[in-house]
Amino acid sequence: MGKILFLLISCFWMTATAQAFDHKHSDWNRLLRENVHWDSKGVASTVDYRSFLRQQTELDRYLDGLSGVTQKDYAAWQKPQQLVFLINAYNAFTIKLILSKYPNLESIKDLGSFFSSPWEKRFFSLLGKQLSLDDIEHGLIRQPGVFDEPRIHAAVVCASIGCPGLRDEAFVFEKIDAQLEDSLRRFLFDRSRNRYNAETDRLEVSKIFDWYGDDFIDYRGYTSVSGVFGEYAELLADNKAVQLRIKAGEVPLEFLNYNWRLNDSHK
């Protein structure tokens, strides 16, 4: 009887611990609402790092909550909850990294060196380990067979103008699919980073699709990254005939130079 009671208490404690984490990411959502601003077209956003700097206590509280999640807790969650956790963690720790030198930097790349990139810095604890941003993106999110979700490339944001816009809300598991789709559509509709050039008859697209194009292969039946542009052709060109050619994969691709300048509201 004693063993049964012990097992029941243990199960209850483990369940309560797993449920204690705020899957709505309310603190992070509030910070984003206050400090992230979409442009007039709603396709790119800037971040008020000055305000974030004043709210570091609130940011640190959220980050501490993320760091407090154990591997056992994480493993008990549904896949959408895990993906949301990792995307929000990546974006929040990126903000923390920028604040470590703000305002004395022009780009996130200023935080690296000749020998290592800022994305390789193991400056935080997550799931019981010291991790880097690369560990989250490439080791956890992009690990083959886990999520297989290429739209994360429009969701994890590197604090640069060339990146997709950081959302002014936290990702949440109840609407993660809609949020990922909306982020990708906003990014593709930003003609400063993805567009059809009538003079050269080329699709000029973000370097992201060069770096991570293989992630889209087999997703929704795409046989190449061009399949992405075919599905969203109406966002890339206004001309109907051109849209049909994009859908048919007949328009050559050209990858644009990446703008690494900080996506700062004050610069």
Protein backbone atom coordinates (compact mmCIF):
# COMPACT_ATOMS: atom_id res chain seq x y z
CA MET A 1 0.00 0.00 0.00
CA GLY A 2 2.88 2.33 0.89
CA LYS A 3 4.56 1.77 -2.49
CA ILE A 4 1.31 2.47 -4.35
CA LEU A 5 0.78 5.67 -2.39
CA PHE A 6 4.37 6.73 -3.13
CA LEU A 7 3.90 6.09 -6.86
CA LEU A 8 0.63 8.03 -6.89
CA ILE A 9 2.25 11.00 -5.15
CA SER A 10 5.24 10.86 -7.49
CA CYS A 11 3.02 10.82 -10.58
CA PHE A 12 0.97 13.71 -9.21
CA TRP A 13 4.14 15.72 -8.48
CA MET A 14 5.57 15.08 -11.95
CA THR A 15 2.29 16.07 -13.61
CA ALA A 16 2.00 19.23 -11.52
CA THR A 17 5.59 20.18 -12.34
CA ALA A 18 5.02 19.73 -16.07
CA GLN A 19 1.81 21.74 -15.94
CA ALA A 20 3.41 24.56 -13.92
CA PHE A 21 5.21 25.95 -16.96
CA ASP A 22 3.28 28.75 -18.65
CA HIS A 23 2.68 27.40 -22.15
CA LYS A 24 1.10 30.69 -23.13
CA HIS A 25 4.49 32.37 -22.60
CA SER A 26 2.63 35.32 -21.11
CA ASP A 27 5.69 37.27 -19.87
CA TRP A 28 7.39 37.00 -23.25
CA ASN A 29 4.16 37.91 -25.04
CA ARG A 30 3.83 41.08 -22.96
CA LEU A 31 7.43 42.13 -23.67
CA LEU A 32 6.97 41.58 -27.40
CA ARG A 33 3.72 43.53 -27.45
CA GLU A 34 5.46 46.49 -25.86
CA ASN A 35 8.76 46.43 -27.74
CA VAL A 36 8.24 45.06 -31.26
CA HIS A 37 6.72 47.20 -34.00
CA TRP A 38 5.58 46.18 -37.49
CA ASP A 39 6.16 48.56 -40.39
CA SER A 40 3.21 50.17 -42.16
CA LYS A 41 2.83 47.18 -44.51
CA GLY A 42 3.10 44.61 -41.73
CA VAL A 43 5.91 42.71 -43.42
CA ALA A 44 8.97 43.74 -41.39
CA SER A 45 9.43 44.65 -37.74
CA THR A 46 11.87 46.56 -35.60
CA VAL A 47 12.76 46.07 -31.95
CA ASP A 48 12.95 48.74 -29.26
CA TYR A 49 16.14 47.50 -27.60
CA ARG A 50 16.33 50.62 -25.40
CA SER A 51 13.02 49.68 -23.83
CA PHE A 52 14.06 46.02 -23.57
CA LEU A 53 17.19 47.21 -21.74
CA ARG A 54 14.99 48.90 -19.13
CA GLN A 55 12.93 45.72 -18.80
CA GLN A 56 15.77 43.27 -18.33
CA THR A 57 14.38 42.13 -14.98
CA GLU A 58 11.17 41.01 -16.68
CA LEU A 59 13.12 39.41 -19.54
CA ASP A 60 15.42 37.59 -17.12
CA ARG A 61 12.40 36.27 -15.21
CA TYR A 62 11.05 34.74 -18.41
CA LEU A 63 14.45 33.33 -19.37
CA ASP A 64 14.85 31.81 -15.90
CA GLY A 65 11.50 30.11 -16.41
CA LEU A 66 12.74 28.62 -19.67
CA SER A 67 15.97 27.47 -18.04
CA GLY A 68 14.02 25.82 -15.25
CA VAL A 69 12.37 23.34 -17.61
CA THR A 70 14.00 19.92 -17.31
CA GLN A 71 14.55 17.43 -20.10
CA LYS A 72 11.96 15.19 -18.43
CA ASP A 73 9.38 18.00 -18.41
CA TYR A 74 10.09 18.79 -22.04
CA ALA A 75 9.83 15.15 -23.12
CA ALA A 76 6.34 14.92 -21.58
CA TRP A 77 4.99 17.78 -23.72
CA GLN A 78 3.22 17.52 -27.05
CA LYS A 79 5.33 18.25 -30.15
CA PRO A 80 3.70 21.67 -30.80
CA GLN A 81 4.46 22.70 -27.20
CA GLN A 82 8.08 21.67 -27.66
CA LEU A 83 8.44 23.58 -30.92
CA VAL A 84 6.86 26.71 -29.44
CA PHE A 85 9.20 26.47 -26.45
CA LEU A 86 12.28 26.27 -28.66
CA ILE A 87 11.26 29.09 -31.03
CA ASN A 88 10.42 31.45 -28.18
CA ALA A 89 13.63 30.49 -26.36
CA TYR A 90 15.73 31.19 -29.45
CA ASN A 91 14.20 34.62 -29.97
CA ALA A 92 14.28 35.61 -26.30
CA PHE A 93 17.89 34.55 -25.77
CA THR A 94 18.81 36.41 -28.98
CA ILE A 95 17.39 39.59 -27.43
CA LYS A 96 19.41 38.88 -24.27
CA LEU A 97 22.57 38.47 -26.35
CA ILE A 98 22.01 41.81 -28.10
CA LEU A 99 21.41 43.56 -24.76
CA SER A 100 24.76 42.31 -23.46
CA LYS A 101 26.50 44.97 -25.62
CA TYR A 102 23.68 47.34 -26.57
CA PRO A 103 23.86 50.14 -27.65
CA ASN A 104 27.52 49.64 -28.62
CA LEU A 105 26.96 47.44 -31.64
CA GLU A 106 25.73 47.78 -35.20
CA SER A 107 25.09 44.09 -35.86
CA ILE A 108 24.73 40.81 -34.02
CA LYS A 109 27.91 39.79 -35.84
CA ASP A 110 29.81 42.33 -33.70
CA LEU A 111 29.30 39.89 -30.83
CA GLY A 112 31.37 37.21 -32.51
CA SER A 113 35.06 36.96 -33.32
CA PHE A 114 37.35 35.62 -36.01
CA PHE A 115 37.32 32.26 -34.25
CA SER A 116 33.63 31.90 -33.31
CA SER A 117 30.27 33.30 -34.29
CA PRO A 118 27.76 34.81 -31.84
CA TRP A 119 25.48 31.87 -32.57
CA GLU A 120 28.08 29.48 -31.16
CA LYS A 121 28.32 31.19 -27.74
CA ARG A 122 27.07 28.88 -24.98
CA PHE A 123 25.76 31.65 -22.75
CA PHE A 124 22.56 30.15 -21.32
CA SER A 125 21.15 27.00 -19.75
CA LEU A 126 18.30 25.11 -21.39
CA LEU A 127 17.02 21.59 -20.77
CA GLY A 128 19.78 21.04 -18.25
CA LYS A 129 22.67 21.96 -20.56
CA GLN A 130 24.74 24.99 -21.48
CA LEU A 131 23.61 25.77 -25.01
CA SER A 132 24.11 28.23 -27.84
CA LEU A 133 21.62 29.65 -30.31
CA ASP A 134 23.01 27.24 -32.91
CA ASP A 135 22.31 24.36 -30.53
CA ILE A 136 18.64 25.38 -30.38
CA GLU A 137 18.18 25.98 -34.10
CA HIS A 138 20.31 23.29 -35.67
CA GLY A 139 20.67 20.74 -32.87
CA LEU A 140 17.07 20.74 -31.63
CA ILE A 141 14.64 22.40 -34.05
CA ARG A 142 16.21 21.26 -37.34
CA GLN A 143 17.17 17.80 -36.15
CA PRO A 144 15.87 15.46 -38.91
CA GLY A 145 12.75 13.52 -38.03
CA VAL A 146 11.81 15.64 -35.01
CA PHE A 147 9.74 18.56 -36.32
CA ASP A 148 10.63 18.71 -40.04
CA GLU A 149 9.10 22.20 -40.16
CA PRO A 150 10.95 24.51 -42.61
CA ARG A 151 8.70 27.47 -41.83
CA ILE A 152 10.75 27.96 -38.66
CA HIS A 153 13.14 29.92 -40.89
CA ALA A 154 10.53 32.67 -40.87
CA ALA A 155 10.12 32.38 -37.09
CA VAL A 156 13.57 32.20 -35.46
CA VAL A 157 14.99 35.68 -35.84
CA CYS A 158 18.64 36.80 -35.79
CA ALA A 159 18.11 40.46 -34.79
CA SER A 160 19.00 41.68 -38.28
CA ILE A 161 17.21 43.67 -40.97
CA GLY A 162 17.66 40.79 -43.39
CA CYS A 163 15.78 38.42 -41.09
CA PRO A 164 12.05 37.79 -41.17
CA GLY A 165 10.18 40.08 -38.80
CA LEU A 166 10.15 39.20 -35.13
CA ARG A 167 6.49 38.81 -34.25
CA ASP A 168 4.90 41.17 -31.75
CA GLU A 169 3.46 38.18 -29.92
CA ALA A 170 4.75 34.93 -28.47
CA PHE A 171 4.28 31.71 -30.38
CA VAL A 172 1.73 29.48 -28.63
CA PHE A 173 0.93 25.86 -29.28
CA GLU A 174 -2.80 26.44 -29.89
CA LYS A 175 -2.05 28.44 -33.04
CA ILE A 176 1.53 27.58 -33.96
CA ASP A 177 0.61 26.44 -37.47
CA ALA A 178 -1.25 29.68 -38.25
CA GLN A 179 1.57 31.77 -36.78
CA LEU A 180 4.26 29.99 -38.82
CA GLU A 181 2.19 30.38 -41.98
CA ASP A 182 1.58 34.07 -41.28
CA SER A 183 5.28 34.69 -40.60
CA LEU A 184 6.31 33.04 -43.86
CA ARG A 185 3.71 34.95 -45.86
CA ARG A 186 4.73 38.29 -44.34
CA PHE A 187 8.38 37.56 -45.15
CA LEU A 188 7.69 36.55 -48.74
CA PHE A 189 5.49 39.61 -49.25
CA ASP A 190 8.33 41.93 -48.20
CA ARG A 191 9.50 43.13 -51.61
CA SER A 192 12.74 44.44 -50.12
CA ARG A 193 13.78 40.84 -49.43
CA ASN A 194 11.77 38.71 -51.87
CA ARG A 195 10.47 39.92 -55.24
CA TYR A 196 10.25 39.41 -58.98
CA ASN A 197 12.54 41.68 -61.00
CA ALA A 198 10.93 42.38 -64.38
CA GLU A 199 14.13 43.85 -65.82
CA THR A 200 16.18 40.71 -65.27
CA ASP A 201 13.24 38.27 -65.33
CA ARG A 202 14.47 36.74 -62.09
CA LEU A 203 13.12 36.01 -58.66
CA GLU A 204 15.33 37.87 -56.22
CA VAL A 205 14.93 36.10 -52.88
CA SER A 206 16.44 36.07 -49.43
CA LYS A 207 19.73 34.30 -48.86
CA ILE A 208 17.85 32.26 -46.25
CA PHE A 209 16.45 30.14 -49.08
CA ASP A 210 19.97 29.49 -50.30
CA TRP A 211 21.27 28.51 -46.88
CA TYR A 212 18.28 26.38 -45.88
CA GLY A 213 16.57 25.53 -49.17
CA ASP A 214 17.06 21.80 -48.64
CA ASP A 215 14.82 21.95 -45.56
CA PHE A 216 11.86 22.65 -47.86
CA ILE A 217 12.42 19.62 -50.11
CA ASP A 218 9.63 17.04 -49.62
CA TYR A 219 7.67 19.54 -47.51
CA ARG A 220 4.18 19.81 -49.05
CA GLY A 221 5.55 17.80 -51.97
CA TYR A 222 8.16 20.39 -52.98
CA THR A 223 10.97 18.86 -55.04
CA SER A 224 13.11 22.00 -54.69
CA VAL A 225 13.04 25.36 -52.95
CA SER A 226 11.33 26.78 -56.05
CA GLY A 227 8.20 24.97 -54.92
CA VAL A 228 7.90 27.46 -52.06
CA PHE A 229 7.83 30.39 -54.46
CA GLY A 230 5.37 28.60 -56.70
CA GLU A 231 2.90 28.18 -53.86
CA TYR A 232 3.19 31.83 -52.84
CA ALA A 233 3.65 33.35 -56.30
CA GLU A 234 0.97 36.00 -55.73
CA LEU A 235 3.08 37.47 -52.94
CA LEU A 236 6.16 37.81 -55.12
CA ALA A 237 4.72 39.30 -58.30
CA ASP A 238 1.61 41.23 -59.30
CA ASN A 239 1.47 40.14 -62.93
CA LYS A 240 -0.74 37.05 -63.42
CA ALA A 241 1.33 35.69 -66.30
CA VAL A 242 4.50 35.97 -64.21
CA GLN A 243 2.77 34.24 -61.31
CA LEU A 244 1.97 31.29 -63.57
CA ARG A 245 5.61 31.09 -64.65
CA ILE A 246 6.73 31.18 -61.03
CA LYS A 247 4.28 28.38 -60.22
CA ALA A 248 5.74 26.36 -63.09
CA GLY A 249 9.27 26.92 -61.80
CA GLU A 250 10.27 28.74 -64.98
CA VAL A 251 11.70 31.89 -63.38
CA PRO A 252 15.40 31.68 -62.39
CA LEU A 253 16.41 32.45 -58.81
CA GLU A 254 18.91 35.00 -57.60
CA PHE A 255 19.81 35.24 -53.92
CA LEU A 256 20.08 38.72 -52.46
CA ASN A 257 22.86 39.95 -50.21
CA TYR A 258 21.93 39.69 -46.55
CA ASN A 259 21.57 42.82 -44.45
CA TRP A 260 23.11 42.12 -41.05
CA ARG A 261 22.44 45.57 -39.58
CA LEU A 262 20.59 45.51 -36.26
CA ASN A 263 16.78 45.64 -36.55
CA ASP A 264 16.73 48.48 -34.03
CA SER A 265 13.82 50.91 -33.78
CA HIS A 266 16.30 53.65 -32.92
CA LYS A 267 18.73 53.24 -35.83
